[in-house]
Amino acid sequence: MPQALASEDLVATPTDREEIAARLFDAFNRRDLDGVLELVHPEILFLPISAAVMAEGEPYRGHQGMRRYLADVEAHWLELALHPVHISAAGEAVVALGRVSGRGPAGPMPETSTTWVLKFQDGLIIHAQVFSDARAMLEAFGLDR
């Protein structure tokens, strides 16, 4: 597996950013907290769709927020898996299209289309937002016209 970017790498290339995104999805699916923290900036702002339920609508902030997010996932989900099918650099960000599947205490969650937008600083993910689909993402950025 490729090494993490060194701290002196101030800008990740598009290929690096795509690789970092893929590694983040893999680390999340393995519930590898250290692997997640290695890829995200200490000041990350993470806005998952599930924050409305798990975090009272508040984003998860920093490494402590990512620790809390993974703990919330463990507390609220029996299974939760991310299935990115297309990861592509888009300017200074990465957009990943895919699906999420899971099972909670009330039963299975139907596989759902999902779009992830990841922004980078100092070669690490500084901002991550999850959308229910590409249309919701375009609306959030005012690009739906």
C-alpha atoms as a PDB file:
ATOM      1  CA  MET A   1       0.000   0.000   0.000  1.00  0.00           C
ATOM      2  CA  PRO A   2       1.386   3.462  -0.849  1.00  0.00           C
ATOM      3  CA  GLN A   3       2.798   5.610   1.926  1.00  0.00           C
ATOM      4  CA  ALA A   4       0.846   8.550   3.335  1.00  0.00           C
ATOM      5  CA  LEU A   5       1.935  11.913   2.018  1.00  0.00           C
ATOM      6  CA  ALA A   6       4.722  13.485   4.041  1.00  0.00           C
ATOM      7  CA  SER A   7       3.807  16.551   6.066  1.00  0.00           C
ATOM      8  CA  GLU A   8       6.056  18.683   3.857  1.00  0.00           C
ATOM      9  CA  ASP A   9       3.885  17.868   0.828  1.00  0.00           C
ATOM     10  CA  LEU A  10       1.713  20.971   0.696  1.00  0.00           C
ATOM     11  CA  VAL A  11      -0.332  20.012  -2.361  1.00  0.00           C
ATOM     12  CA  ALA A  12      -1.576  16.581  -3.344  1.00  0.00           C
ATOM     13  CA  THR A  13      -1.770  15.894  -7.076  1.00  0.00           C
ATOM     14  CA  PRO A  14      -5.128  14.804  -8.537  1.00  0.00           C
ATOM     15  CA  THR A  15      -3.927  11.191  -8.542  1.00  0.00           C
ATOM     16  CA  ASP A  16      -2.760  11.500  -4.907  1.00  0.00           C
ATOM     17  CA  ARG A  17      -6.132  12.958  -3.907  1.00  0.00           C
ATOM     18  CA  GLU A  18      -8.021  10.128  -5.606  1.00  0.00           C
ATOM     19  CA  GLU A  19      -5.793   7.571  -3.876  1.00  0.00           C
ATOM     20  CA  ILE A  20      -6.246   9.248  -0.492  1.00  0.00           C
ATOM     21  CA  ALA A  21     -10.028   9.185  -0.986  1.00  0.00           C
ATOM     22  CA  ALA A  22      -9.966   5.478  -1.865  1.00  0.00           C
ATOM     23  CA  ARG A  23      -7.822   4.751   1.188  1.00  0.00           C
ATOM     24  CA  LEU A  24     -10.260   6.708   3.391  1.00  0.00           C
ATOM     25  CA  PHE A  25     -13.214   4.627   2.206  1.00  0.00           C
ATOM     26  CA  ASP A  26     -11.235   1.446   2.818  1.00  0.00           C
ATOM     27  CA  ALA A  27     -10.173   2.562   6.307  1.00  0.00           C
ATOM     28  CA  PHE A  28     -13.758   3.492   7.191  1.00  0.00           C
ATOM     29  CA  ASN A  29     -15.109   0.143   5.992  1.00  0.00           C
ATOM     30  CA  ARG A  30     -12.513  -1.644   8.171  1.00  0.00           C
ATOM     31  CA  ARG A  31     -13.311   0.720  11.100  1.00  0.00           C
ATOM     32  CA  ASP A  32      -9.598   1.550  11.184  1.00  0.00           C
ATOM     33  CA  LEU A  33      -9.557   4.756  13.231  1.00  0.00           C
ATOM     34  CA  ASP A  34      -5.789   5.199  12.915  1.00  0.00           C
ATOM     35  CA  GLY A  35      -6.062   4.738   9.151  1.00  0.00           C
ATOM     36  CA  VAL A  36      -8.804   7.382   8.959  1.00  0.00           C
ATOM     37  CA  LEU A  37      -6.896   9.865  11.132  1.00  0.00           C
ATOM     38  CA  GLU A  38      -3.752   9.409   9.019  1.00  0.00           C
ATOM     39  CA  LEU A  39      -5.651  10.713   5.969  1.00  0.00           C
ATOM     40  CA  VAL A  40      -7.609  13.608   7.456  1.00  0.00           C
ATOM     41  CA  HIS A  41      -6.369  17.032   8.515  1.00  0.00           C
ATOM     42  CA  PRO A  42      -6.413  17.679  12.285  1.00  0.00           C
ATOM     43  CA  GLU A  43      -8.952  20.449  11.614  1.00  0.00           C
ATOM     44  CA  ILE A  44     -11.260  18.424   9.342  1.00  0.00           C
ATOM     45  CA  LEU A  45     -14.900  19.418   9.086  1.00  0.00           C
ATOM     46  CA  PHE A  46     -17.039  16.344   8.321  1.00  0.00           C
ATOM     47  CA  LEU A  47     -20.699  16.658   7.370  1.00  0.00           C
ATOM     48  CA  PRO A  48     -22.300  13.233   6.931  1.00  0.00           C
ATOM     49  CA  ILE A  49     -26.000  12.904   6.158  1.00  0.00           C
ATOM     50  CA  SER A  50     -26.390  10.956   9.412  1.00  0.00           C
ATOM     51  CA  ALA A  51     -25.235  13.930  11.521  1.00  0.00           C
ATOM     52  CA  ALA A  52     -28.879  14.994  11.736  1.00  0.00           C
ATOM     53  CA  VAL A  53     -29.550  11.912  13.860  1.00  0.00           C
ATOM     54  CA  MET A  54     -26.209  11.045  15.413  1.00  0.00           C
ATOM     55  CA  ALA A  55     -24.807  14.522  16.165  1.00  0.00           C
ATOM     56  CA  GLU A  56     -27.901  16.709  16.522  1.00  0.00           C
ATOM     57  CA  GLY A  57     -27.254  18.193  13.086  1.00  0.00           C
ATOM     58  CA  GLU A  58     -23.763  19.384  13.975  1.00  0.00           C
ATOM     59  CA  PRO A  59     -20.729  18.519  11.834  1.00  0.00           C
ATOM     60  CA  TYR A  60     -17.914  16.443  13.255  1.00  0.00           C
ATOM     61  CA  ARG A  61     -14.821  18.626  13.790  1.00  0.00           C
ATOM     62  CA  GLY A  62     -11.168  17.646  13.984  1.00  0.00           C
ATOM     63  CA  HIS A  63      -9.646  14.308  14.876  1.00  0.00           C
ATOM     64  CA  GLN A  64     -11.763  14.184  18.040  1.00  0.00           C
ATOM     65  CA  GLY A  65     -14.860  14.587  15.875  1.00  0.00           C
ATOM     66  CA  MET A  66     -13.758  11.709  13.652  1.00  0.00           C
ATOM     67  CA  ARG A  67     -13.264   9.533  16.737  1.00  0.00           C
ATOM     68  CA  ARG A  68     -16.780  10.476  17.844  1.00  0.00           C
ATOM     69  CA  TYR A  69     -18.187   9.782  14.372  1.00  0.00           C
ATOM     70  CA  LEU A  70     -16.768   6.264  14.267  1.00  0.00           C
ATOM     71  CA  ALA A  71     -18.069   5.670  17.809  1.00  0.00           C
ATOM     72  CA  ASP A  72     -21.497   6.960  16.717  1.00  0.00           C
ATOM     73  CA  VAL A  73     -21.466   4.610  13.720  1.00  0.00           C
ATOM     74  CA  GLU A  74     -20.707   1.679  16.018  1.00  0.00           C
ATOM     75  CA  ALA A  75     -23.503   2.755  18.399  1.00  0.00           C
ATOM     76  CA  HIS A  76     -26.185   3.353  15.733  1.00  0.00           C
ATOM     77  CA  TRP A  77     -25.417   0.769  13.040  1.00  0.00           C
ATOM     78  CA  LEU A  78     -25.043  -2.993  13.120  1.00  0.00           C
ATOM     79  CA  GLU A  79     -23.445  -2.729   9.664  1.00  0.00           C
ATOM     80  CA  LEU A  80     -22.580   0.268   7.488  1.00  0.00           C
ATOM     81  CA  ALA A  81     -20.475   0.046   4.332  1.00  0.00           C
ATOM     82  CA  LEU A  82     -19.410   2.604   1.745  1.00  0.00           C
ATOM     83  CA  HIS A  83     -19.202   1.483  -1.881  1.00  0.00           C
ATOM     84  CA  PRO A  84     -17.572   4.177  -4.029  1.00  0.00           C
ATOM     85  CA  VAL A  85     -17.783   3.221  -7.705  1.00  0.00           C
ATOM     86  CA  HIS A  86     -16.211   6.319  -9.263  1.00  0.00           C
ATOM     87  CA  ILE A  87     -13.614   8.569  -7.628  1.00  0.00           C
ATOM     88  CA  SER A  88     -12.440  11.575  -9.592  1.00  0.00           C
ATOM     89  CA  ALA A  89     -10.437  14.703  -8.920  1.00  0.00           C
ATOM     90  CA  ALA A  90     -12.500  17.827  -9.558  1.00  0.00           C
ATOM     91  CA  GLY A  91     -10.310  20.897  -9.324  1.00  0.00           C
ATOM     92  CA  GLU A  92      -8.765  20.893  -5.849  1.00  0.00           C
ATOM     93  CA  ALA A  93     -11.385  18.442  -4.541  1.00  0.00           C
ATOM     94  CA  VAL A  94     -12.395  14.851  -5.134  1.00  0.00           C
ATOM     95  CA  VAL A  95     -15.918  13.740  -5.931  1.00  0.00           C
ATOM     96  CA  ALA A  96     -16.823  10.121  -5.315  1.00  0.00           C
ATOM     97  CA  LEU A  97     -20.044   8.562  -6.561  1.00  0.00           C
ATOM     98  CA  GLY A  98     -21.307   5.330  -5.114  1.00  0.00           C
ATOM     99  CA  ARG A  99     -23.658   3.647  -2.713  1.00  0.00           C
ATOM    100  CA  VAL A 100     -24.071   3.090   0.993  1.00  0.00           C
ATOM    101  CA  SER A 101     -25.562  -0.035   2.509  1.00  0.00           C
ATOM    102  CA  GLY A 102     -26.227  -0.943   6.067  1.00  0.00           C
ATOM    103  CA  ARG A 103     -28.322  -2.546   8.723  1.00  0.00           C
ATOM    104  CA  GLY A 104     -29.559  -0.879  11.861  1.00  0.00           C
ATOM    105  CA  PRO A 105     -31.573  -2.072  14.849  1.00  0.00           C
ATOM    106  CA  ALA A 106     -34.789  -1.685  12.821  1.00  0.00           C
ATOM    107  CA  GLY A 107     -33.466  -3.809   9.951  1.00  0.00           C
ATOM    108  CA  PRO A 108     -31.654  -3.355   6.649  1.00  0.00           C
ATOM    109  CA  MET A 109     -31.247   0.011   4.965  1.00  0.00           C
ATOM    110  CA  PRO A 110     -31.834  -0.217   1.233  1.00  0.00           C
ATOM    111  CA  GLU A 111     -28.691   0.441  -0.768  1.00  0.00           C
ATOM    112  CA  THR A 112     -28.659   4.212  -1.311  1.00  0.00           C
ATOM    113  CA  SER A 113     -26.914   6.363  -3.918  1.00  0.00           C
ATOM    114  CA  THR A 114     -24.394   8.677  -2.317  1.00  0.00           C
ATOM    115  CA  THR A 115     -22.006  11.424  -3.398  1.00  0.00           C
ATOM    116  CA  TRP A 116     -18.975  12.387  -1.322  1.00  0.00           C
ATOM    117  CA  VAL A 117     -17.084  15.647  -1.820  1.00  0.00           C
ATOM    118  CA  LEU A 118     -13.631  15.821  -0.246  1.00  0.00           C
ATOM    119  CA  LYS A 119     -11.476  18.953  -0.100  1.00  0.00           C
ATOM    120  CA  PHE A 120      -7.764  18.968   0.706  1.00  0.00           C
ATOM    121  CA  GLN A 121      -5.223  21.052   2.577  1.00  0.00           C
ATOM    122  CA  ASP A 122      -1.587  20.132   3.134  1.00  0.00           C
ATOM    123  CA  GLY A 123      -2.147  16.821   1.349  1.00  0.00           C
ATOM    124  CA  LEU A 124      -4.893  15.758   3.795  1.00  0.00           C
ATOM    125  CA  ILE A 125      -8.690  15.840   3.717  1.00  0.00           C
ATOM    126  CA  ILE A 126      -9.793  19.076   5.421  1.00  0.00           C
ATOM    127  CA  HIS A 127     -13.503  19.032   4.507  1.00  0.00           C
ATOM    128  CA  ALA A 128     -15.774  16.109   3.700  1.00  0.00           C
ATOM    129  CA  GLN A 129     -19.455  16.322   2.923  1.00  0.00           C
ATOM    130  CA  VAL A 130     -21.840  13.517   2.082  1.00  0.00           C
ATOM    131  CA  PHE A 131     -24.877  13.994  -0.153  1.00  0.00           C
ATOM    132  CA  SER A 132     -27.807  11.685  -0.814  1.00  0.00           C
ATOM    133  CA  ASP A 133     -27.115  11.919  -4.520  1.00  0.00           C
ATOM    134  CA  ALA A 134     -25.339  13.996  -7.143  1.00  0.00           C
ATOM    135  CA  ARG A 135     -28.379  16.250  -7.562  1.00  0.00           C
ATOM    136  CA  ALA A 136     -28.340  17.166  -3.844  1.00  0.00           C
ATOM    137  CA  MET A 137     -24.633  17.951  -4.151  1.00  0.00           C
ATOM    138  CA  LEU A 138     -25.199  20.208  -7.166  1.00  0.00           C
ATOM    139  CA  GLU A 139     -28.023  21.992  -5.333  1.00  0.00           C
ATOM    140  CA  ALA A 140     -25.779  22.573  -2.296  1.00  0.00           C
ATOM    141  CA  PHE A 141     -23.186  24.217  -4.515  1.00  0.00           C
ATOM    142  CA  GLY A 142     -25.774  26.218  -6.481  1.00  0.00           C
ATOM    143  CA  LEU A 143     -24.988  24.328  -9.693  1.00  0.00           C
ATOM    144  CA  ASP A 144     -28.402  22.777 -10.282  1.00  0.00           C
ATOM    145  CA  ARG A 145     -29.533  25.319 -12.884  1.00  0.00           C
END
